[in-house]
Amino acid sequence: MWFSGKEMCRGKTLASYLGRNEKTKVLVKLQKQGQGPPGREPVISEEERKQMMLHAYRRQEELKVLAGHYYL
């Protein structure tokens, strides 16, 4: 078993790695023994990233226009 990119030791409880926070969400991936750590997944998809960048660009342009009106 792996946690945060490090192999977990047998005999240790999950609480020794995570602590006792009841609000902690744990995502578990199962693999066959001896295959090494699981691959990391992107936090957001490429399409979501593009949409966020487009929104940020539009907001930046909008703020430029508002700042230009403020100084006039």
C-alpha atoms as a PDB file:
ATOM      1  CA  MET A   1       0.000   0.000   0.000  1.00  0.00           C
ATOM      2  CA  TRP A   2       1.144   3.510  -0.793  1.00  0.00           C
ATOM      3  CA  PHE A   3       0.348   6.875   0.803  1.00  0.00           C
ATOM      4  CA  SER A   4       1.530  10.240  -0.518  1.00  0.00           C
ATOM      5  CA  GLY A   5       4.056   8.588  -2.794  1.00  0.00           C
ATOM      6  CA  LYS A   6       5.627   6.555   0.025  1.00  0.00           C
ATOM      7  CA  GLU A   7       5.171   2.871   0.716  1.00  0.00           C
ATOM      8  CA  MET A   8       3.243   2.207   3.906  1.00  0.00           C
ATOM      9  CA  CYS A   9       4.760  -0.142   6.486  1.00  0.00           C
ATOM     10  CA  ARG A  10       2.874  -3.283   7.430  1.00  0.00           C
ATOM     11  CA  GLY A  11       1.430  -3.173  10.924  1.00  0.00           C
ATOM     12  CA  LYS A  12       0.935   0.598  11.017  1.00  0.00           C
ATOM     13  CA  THR A  13      -2.620   1.896  11.053  1.00  0.00           C
ATOM     14  CA  LEU A  14      -3.974   4.398   8.559  1.00  0.00           C
ATOM     15  CA  ALA A  15      -4.489   6.817  11.447  1.00  0.00           C
ATOM     16  CA  SER A  16      -0.724   6.934  12.000  1.00  0.00           C
ATOM     17  CA  TYR A  17      -0.368   8.415   8.488  1.00  0.00           C
ATOM     18  CA  LEU A  18      -3.492  10.603   8.414  1.00  0.00           C
ATOM     19  CA  GLY A  19      -4.062  11.548  12.029  1.00  0.00           C
ATOM     20  CA  ARG A  20      -7.473  11.579  13.659  1.00  0.00           C
ATOM     21  CA  ASN A  21      -9.228  14.228  11.582  1.00  0.00           C
ATOM     22  CA  GLU A  22     -12.760  12.933  10.954  1.00  0.00           C
ATOM     23  CA  LYS A  23     -13.237  15.238   7.956  1.00  0.00           C
ATOM     24  CA  THR A  24     -10.308  13.799   5.993  1.00  0.00           C
ATOM     25  CA  LYS A  25     -11.314  12.254   2.672  1.00  0.00           C
ATOM     26  CA  VAL A  26      -9.214   9.294   1.574  1.00  0.00           C
ATOM     27  CA  LEU A  27      -9.122   8.068  -2.031  1.00  0.00           C
ATOM     28  CA  VAL A  28      -7.895   4.497  -2.376  1.00  0.00           C
ATOM     29  CA  LYS A  29      -6.483   2.871  -5.524  1.00  0.00           C
ATOM     30  CA  LEU A  30      -5.866  -0.859  -5.564  1.00  0.00           C
ATOM     31  CA  GLN A  31      -3.008  -2.459  -7.479  1.00  0.00           C
ATOM     32  CA  LYS A  32      -1.396  -5.848  -7.528  1.00  0.00           C
ATOM     33  CA  GLN A  33       1.431  -6.347  -5.060  1.00  0.00           C
ATOM     34  CA  GLY A  34       4.892  -5.414  -6.309  1.00  0.00           C
ATOM     35  CA  GLN A  35       3.778  -2.971  -9.030  1.00  0.00           C
ATOM     36  CA  GLY A  36       5.113   0.132  -7.316  1.00  0.00           C
ATOM     37  CA  PRO A  37       3.241   3.348  -6.573  1.00  0.00           C
ATOM     38  CA  PRO A  38       0.091   4.116  -8.559  1.00  0.00           C
ATOM     39  CA  GLY A  39       0.268   6.851 -11.186  1.00  0.00           C
ATOM     40  CA  ARG A  40      -0.920  10.306 -10.270  1.00  0.00           C
ATOM     41  CA  GLU A  41      -4.039  11.707 -11.870  1.00  0.00           C
ATOM     42  CA  PRO A  42      -4.327  15.330 -12.967  1.00  0.00           C
ATOM     43  CA  VAL A  43      -6.256  17.463 -10.507  1.00  0.00           C
ATOM     44  CA  ILE A  44      -8.273  19.079 -13.309  1.00  0.00           C
ATOM     45  CA  SER A  45      -8.842  18.007 -16.893  1.00  0.00           C
ATOM     46  CA  GLU A  46      -7.289  19.823 -19.835  1.00  0.00           C
ATOM     47  CA  GLU A  47     -10.705  21.174 -20.867  1.00  0.00           C
ATOM     48  CA  GLU A  48     -11.351  22.520 -17.356  1.00  0.00           C
ATOM     49  CA  ARG A  49      -7.914  24.175 -17.371  1.00  0.00           C
ATOM     50  CA  LYS A  50      -8.650  25.858 -20.709  1.00  0.00           C
ATOM     51  CA  GLN A  51     -12.004  27.142 -19.449  1.00  0.00           C
ATOM     52  CA  MET A  52     -10.390  28.541 -16.293  1.00  0.00           C
ATOM     53  CA  MET A  53      -7.669  30.300 -18.308  1.00  0.00           C
ATOM     54  CA  LEU A  54     -10.247  31.775 -20.681  1.00  0.00           C
ATOM     55  CA  HIS A  55     -12.326  33.043 -17.757  1.00  0.00           C
ATOM     56  CA  ALA A  56      -9.236  34.590 -16.112  1.00  0.00           C
ATOM     57  CA  TYR A  57      -8.229  36.305 -19.376  1.00  0.00           C
ATOM     58  CA  ARG A  58     -11.730  37.732 -19.903  1.00  0.00           C
ATOM     59  CA  ARG A  59     -11.861  38.954 -16.305  1.00  0.00           C
ATOM     60  CA  GLN A  60      -8.446  40.606 -16.687  1.00  0.00           C
ATOM     61  CA  GLU A  61      -9.591  42.416 -19.845  1.00  0.00           C
ATOM     62  CA  GLU A  62     -12.789  43.484 -18.107  1.00  0.00           C
ATOM     63  CA  LEU A  63     -10.790  44.929 -15.212  1.00  0.00           C
ATOM     64  CA  LYS A  64      -8.539  46.820 -17.621  1.00  0.00           C
ATOM     65  CA  VAL A  65     -11.593  48.486 -19.170  1.00  0.00           C
ATOM     66  CA  LEU A  66     -13.009  49.354 -15.746  1.00  0.00           C
ATOM     67  CA  ALA A  67      -9.650  50.781 -14.620  1.00  0.00           C
ATOM     68  CA  GLY A  68      -9.473  52.913 -17.770  1.00  0.00           C
ATOM     69  CA  HIS A  69     -12.901  54.415 -17.038  1.00  0.00           C
ATOM     70  CA  TYR A  70     -11.919  55.074 -13.435  1.00  0.00           C
ATOM     71  CA  TYR A  71      -8.949  57.250 -14.392  1.00  0.00           C
ATOM     72  CA  LEU A  72     -10.932  59.370 -16.873  1.00  0.00           C
END
